[in-house]
């Protein structure tokens, strides 16, 4: 969570590492920024721009995908804390974002309404919304 343009922001992301060594480096970096051991949704207090910049310094092959992009509170396009576009969120780091994750509350037809998605500049992926390995969460 962080503030940008006088608004509270919170954007969940999925992070993919190219290998185990890089995953360990990511974990160590994130541990230095906040707790990662309690519910799968840590708060680091850095902007989306700072987050992308920091991870890409570790390894340029790291993939960062905004998760469940349409959910109100934690989605990239969320009505409560989201943005109107990838560019608004990621600014000069937008070119390092190649996909958005639809989550369980959106489908491709909903997302194609966004010009940046309809143009084919960004891909849509869909995963479950598991926040922990406990099935009741």
C-alpha atoms as a PDB file:
ATOM      1  CA  UNK A   1       0.000   0.000   0.000  1.00  0.00           C
ATOM      2  CA  UNK A   2       1.179   3.481  -0.797  1.00  0.00           C
ATOM      3  CA  UNK A   3      -0.074   6.922  -1.800  1.00  0.00           C
ATOM      4  CA  UNK A   4       0.057   8.331  -5.308  1.00  0.00           C
ATOM      5  CA  UNK A   5      -1.786  11.363  -6.650  1.00  0.00           C
ATOM      6  CA  UNK A   6      -3.326  11.911  -3.192  1.00  0.00           C
ATOM      7  CA  UNK A   7      -5.022   8.506  -3.263  1.00  0.00           C
ATOM      8  CA  UNK A   8      -4.391   5.302  -1.323  1.00  0.00           C
ATOM      9  CA  UNK A   9      -3.094   2.659  -3.730  1.00  0.00           C
ATOM     10  CA  UNK A  10      -2.765  -1.099  -3.416  1.00  0.00           C
ATOM     11  CA  UNK A  11      -1.983  -3.272  -6.411  1.00  0.00           C
ATOM     12  CA  UNK A  12      -1.351  -6.991  -6.046  1.00  0.00           C
ATOM     13  CA  UNK A  13       1.149  -8.541  -8.425  1.00  0.00           C
ATOM     14  CA  UNK A  14       2.374 -12.003  -9.370  1.00  0.00           C
ATOM     15  CA  UNK A  15       6.152 -12.308  -9.635  1.00  0.00           C
ATOM     16  CA  UNK A  16       7.889 -14.985 -11.705  1.00  0.00           C
ATOM     17  CA  UNK A  17      11.604 -15.670 -11.289  1.00  0.00           C
ATOM     18  CA  UNK A  18      13.652 -17.269 -14.081  1.00  0.00           C
ATOM     19  CA  UNK A  19      15.342 -19.683 -11.662  1.00  0.00           C
ATOM     20  CA  UNK A  20      15.750 -20.617  -8.002  1.00  0.00           C
ATOM     21  CA  UNK A  21      18.790 -18.435  -7.430  1.00  0.00           C
ATOM     22  CA  UNK A  22      16.907 -15.342  -8.581  1.00  0.00           C
ATOM     23  CA  UNK A  23      13.875 -16.374  -6.503  1.00  0.00           C
ATOM     24  CA  UNK A  24      16.126 -16.440  -3.429  1.00  0.00           C
ATOM     25  CA  UNK A  25      17.451 -12.965  -4.265  1.00  0.00           C
ATOM     26  CA  UNK A  26      13.869 -11.686  -4.640  1.00  0.00           C
ATOM     27  CA  UNK A  27      12.887 -13.215  -1.293  1.00  0.00           C
ATOM     28  CA  UNK A  28      15.874 -11.630   0.470  1.00  0.00           C
ATOM     29  CA  UNK A  29      15.104  -8.240  -1.054  1.00  0.00           C
ATOM     30  CA  UNK A  30      11.416  -8.426  -0.097  1.00  0.00           C
ATOM     31  CA  UNK A  31      12.270  -9.558   3.445  1.00  0.00           C
ATOM     32  CA  UNK A  32      14.329  -6.379   3.786  1.00  0.00           C
ATOM     33  CA  UNK A  33      11.248  -4.315   2.862  1.00  0.00           C
ATOM     34  CA  UNK A  34       8.521  -5.967   4.954  1.00  0.00           C
ATOM     35  CA  UNK A  35       7.087  -9.185   6.356  1.00  0.00           C
ATOM     36  CA  UNK A  36       6.493 -11.937   3.825  1.00  0.00           C
ATOM     37  CA  UNK A  37       5.672 -14.732   6.262  1.00  0.00           C
ATOM     38  CA  UNK A  38       2.051 -14.267   7.266  1.00  0.00           C
ATOM     39  CA  UNK A  39      -0.667 -14.264   4.597  1.00  0.00           C
ATOM     40  CA  UNK A  40       0.755 -14.099   1.098  1.00  0.00           C
ATOM     41  CA  UNK A  41      -0.134 -10.410   0.721  1.00  0.00           C
ATOM     42  CA  UNK A  42       2.767  -8.455   2.206  1.00  0.00           C
ATOM     43  CA  UNK A  43       2.876  -4.679   2.338  1.00  0.00           C
ATOM     44  CA  UNK A  44       6.136  -3.104   1.227  1.00  0.00           C
ATOM     45  CA  UNK A  45       5.209   0.594   1.160  1.00  0.00           C
ATOM     46  CA  UNK A  46       6.791   1.237  -2.224  1.00  0.00           C
ATOM     47  CA  UNK A  47       5.129   2.390  -5.400  1.00  0.00           C
ATOM     48  CA  UNK A  48       4.518   0.043  -8.307  1.00  0.00           C
ATOM     49  CA  UNK A  49       7.253   1.926 -10.176  1.00  0.00           C
ATOM     50  CA  UNK A  50       9.759   1.422  -7.354  1.00  0.00           C
ATOM     51  CA  UNK A  51       8.789  -2.250  -7.078  1.00  0.00           C
ATOM     52  CA  UNK A  52       9.405  -2.939 -10.777  1.00  0.00           C
ATOM     53  CA  UNK A  53      12.660  -0.954 -10.777  1.00  0.00           C
ATOM     54  CA  UNK A  54      13.967  -2.853  -7.747  1.00  0.00           C
ATOM     55  CA  UNK A  55      13.111  -6.309  -9.054  1.00  0.00           C
ATOM     56  CA  UNK A  56      14.449  -5.615 -12.541  1.00  0.00           C
ATOM     57  CA  UNK A  57      17.764  -4.595 -10.929  1.00  0.00           C
ATOM     58  CA  UNK A  58      17.944  -8.101  -9.463  1.00  0.00           C
ATOM     59  CA  UNK A  59      17.342  -9.735 -12.860  1.00  0.00           C
ATOM     60  CA  UNK A  60      15.818  -8.317 -16.021  1.00  0.00           C
ATOM     61  CA  UNK A  61      14.137 -11.683 -16.724  1.00  0.00           C
ATOM     62  CA  UNK A  62      11.830 -11.351 -13.702  1.00  0.00           C
ATOM     63  CA  UNK A  63       8.211 -11.066 -14.831  1.00  0.00           C
ATOM     64  CA  UNK A  64       5.766  -8.880 -12.898  1.00  0.00           C
ATOM     65  CA  UNK A  65       2.069  -9.274 -13.642  1.00  0.00           C
ATOM     66  CA  UNK A  66      -0.679  -7.204 -11.969  1.00  0.00           C
ATOM     67  CA  UNK A  67      -2.981  -9.767 -10.308  1.00  0.00           C
ATOM     68  CA  UNK A  68      -6.806  -9.981 -10.305  1.00  0.00           C
ATOM     69  CA  UNK A  69      -6.761  -6.651 -12.088  1.00  0.00           C
ATOM     70  CA  UNK A  70     -10.490  -5.850 -11.769  1.00  0.00           C
ATOM     71  CA  UNK A  71     -11.024  -6.468  -8.041  1.00  0.00           C
ATOM     72  CA  UNK A  72     -12.069  -3.225  -6.307  1.00  0.00           C
ATOM     73  CA  UNK A  73      -9.502  -2.956  -3.504  1.00  0.00           C
ATOM     74  CA  UNK A  74      -6.324  -4.561  -4.829  1.00  0.00           C
ATOM     75  CA  UNK A  75      -6.632  -4.716  -8.612  1.00  0.00           C
ATOM     76  CA  UNK A  76      -4.787  -2.555 -11.121  1.00  0.00           C
ATOM     77  CA  UNK A  77      -8.122  -1.282 -12.467  1.00  0.00           C
ATOM     78  CA  UNK A  78      -9.912  -1.533  -9.098  1.00  0.00           C
ATOM     79  CA  UNK A  79     -12.471   1.134  -8.256  1.00  0.00           C
ATOM     80  CA  UNK A  80     -11.218   1.678  -4.688  1.00  0.00           C
ATOM     81  CA  UNK A  81      -7.446   1.855  -5.003  1.00  0.00           C
ATOM     82  CA  UNK A  82      -6.621   1.168  -8.614  1.00  0.00           C
ATOM     83  CA  UNK A  83      -5.657   3.114 -11.681  1.00  0.00           C
ATOM     84  CA  UNK A  84      -7.213   3.928 -15.042  1.00  0.00           C
ATOM     85  CA  UNK A  85      -4.325   2.468 -17.038  1.00  0.00           C
ATOM     86  CA  UNK A  86      -1.061   0.582 -16.824  1.00  0.00           C
ATOM     87  CA  UNK A  87       0.759   3.828 -17.658  1.00  0.00           C
ATOM     88  CA  UNK A  88      -0.822   5.645 -14.722  1.00  0.00           C
ATOM     89  CA  UNK A  89       0.322   2.882 -12.377  1.00  0.00           C
ATOM     90  CA  UNK A  90       3.710   1.869 -13.741  1.00  0.00           C
ATOM     91  CA  UNK A  91       4.688   5.138 -15.453  1.00  0.00           C
ATOM     92  CA  UNK A  92       8.148   4.809 -17.026  1.00  0.00           C
ATOM     93  CA  UNK A  93       8.225   1.098 -16.119  1.00  0.00           C
ATOM     94  CA  UNK A  94       5.097   0.264 -18.163  1.00  0.00           C
ATOM     95  CA  UNK A  95       7.169  -1.224 -20.973  1.00  0.00           C
ATOM     96  CA  UNK A  96       8.355  -3.901 -18.527  1.00  0.00           C
ATOM     97  CA  UNK A  97       4.811  -5.192 -17.908  1.00  0.00           C
ATOM     98  CA  UNK A  98       3.751  -7.730 -20.531  1.00  0.00           C
ATOM     99  CA  UNK A  99       0.544  -9.170 -19.076  1.00  0.00           C
ATOM    100  CA  UNK A 100      -2.306  -8.643 -16.651  1.00  0.00           C
ATOM    101  CA  UNK A 101      -3.973 -11.414 -14.661  1.00  0.00           C
ATOM    102  CA  UNK A 102      -7.757 -11.461 -14.923  1.00  0.00           C
ATOM    103  CA  UNK A 103      -8.477 -13.216 -11.642  1.00  0.00           C
ATOM    104  CA  UNK A 104     -11.812 -14.840 -10.996  1.00  0.00           C
ATOM    105  CA  UNK A 105     -13.840 -11.632 -11.274  1.00  0.00           C
ATOM    106  CA  UNK A 106     -13.061 -10.710 -14.888  1.00  0.00           C
ATOM    107  CA  UNK A 107     -12.967 -12.322 -18.280  1.00  0.00           C
ATOM    108  CA  UNK A 108     -11.222 -11.330 -21.519  1.00  0.00           C
ATOM    109  CA  UNK A 109     -14.309  -9.535 -22.870  1.00  0.00           C
ATOM    110  CA  UNK A 110     -14.314  -7.223 -19.840  1.00  0.00           C
ATOM    111  CA  UNK A 111     -10.618  -6.496 -20.199  1.00  0.00           C
ATOM    112  CA  UNK A 112     -10.733  -5.845 -23.933  1.00  0.00           C
ATOM    113  CA  UNK A 113     -12.636  -2.641 -23.096  1.00  0.00           C
ATOM    114  CA  UNK A 114      -9.304  -1.164 -22.025  1.00  0.00           C
ATOM    115  CA  UNK A 115      -7.480   0.235 -25.057  1.00  0.00           C
ATOM    116  CA  UNK A 116      -4.108  -1.038 -23.861  1.00  0.00           C
ATOM    117  CA  UNK A 117      -5.494  -4.581 -23.739  1.00  0.00           C
ATOM    118  CA  UNK A 118      -7.578  -4.365 -26.921  1.00  0.00           C
ATOM    119  CA  UNK A 119      -4.549  -3.081 -28.833  1.00  0.00           C
ATOM    120  CA  UNK A 120      -2.684  -6.315 -28.144  1.00  0.00           C
ATOM    121  CA  UNK A 121       0.101  -4.478 -26.312  1.00  0.00           C
ATOM    122  CA  UNK A 122      -0.668  -6.439 -23.154  1.00  0.00           C
ATOM    123  CA  UNK A 123      -1.551 -10.114 -22.722  1.00  0.00           C
ATOM    124  CA  UNK A 124      -4.245 -11.574 -20.480  1.00  0.00           C
ATOM    125  CA  UNK A 125      -3.465 -14.533 -18.228  1.00  0.00           C
ATOM    126  CA  UNK A 126      -5.795 -16.210 -15.731  1.00  0.00           C
ATOM    127  CA  UNK A 127      -4.873 -18.027 -12.518  1.00  0.00           C
ATOM    128  CA  UNK A 128      -6.663 -18.871  -9.290  1.00  0.00           C
ATOM    129  CA  UNK A 129      -6.644 -16.345  -6.482  1.00  0.00           C
ATOM    130  CA  UNK A 130      -4.896 -18.445  -3.834  1.00  0.00           C
ATOM    131  CA  UNK A 131      -3.258 -16.274  -1.183  1.00  0.00           C
ATOM    132  CA  UNK A 132      -1.862 -19.137   0.849  1.00  0.00           C
ATOM    133  CA  UNK A 133      -1.460 -22.883   0.810  1.00  0.00           C
ATOM    134  CA  UNK A 134      -4.404 -23.270   3.236  1.00  0.00           C
ATOM    135  CA  UNK A 135      -7.469 -24.223   1.160  1.00  0.00           C
ATOM    136  CA  UNK A 136      -9.946 -22.329   3.375  1.00  0.00           C
ATOM    137  CA  UNK A 137      -8.232 -18.975   2.740  1.00  0.00           C
END
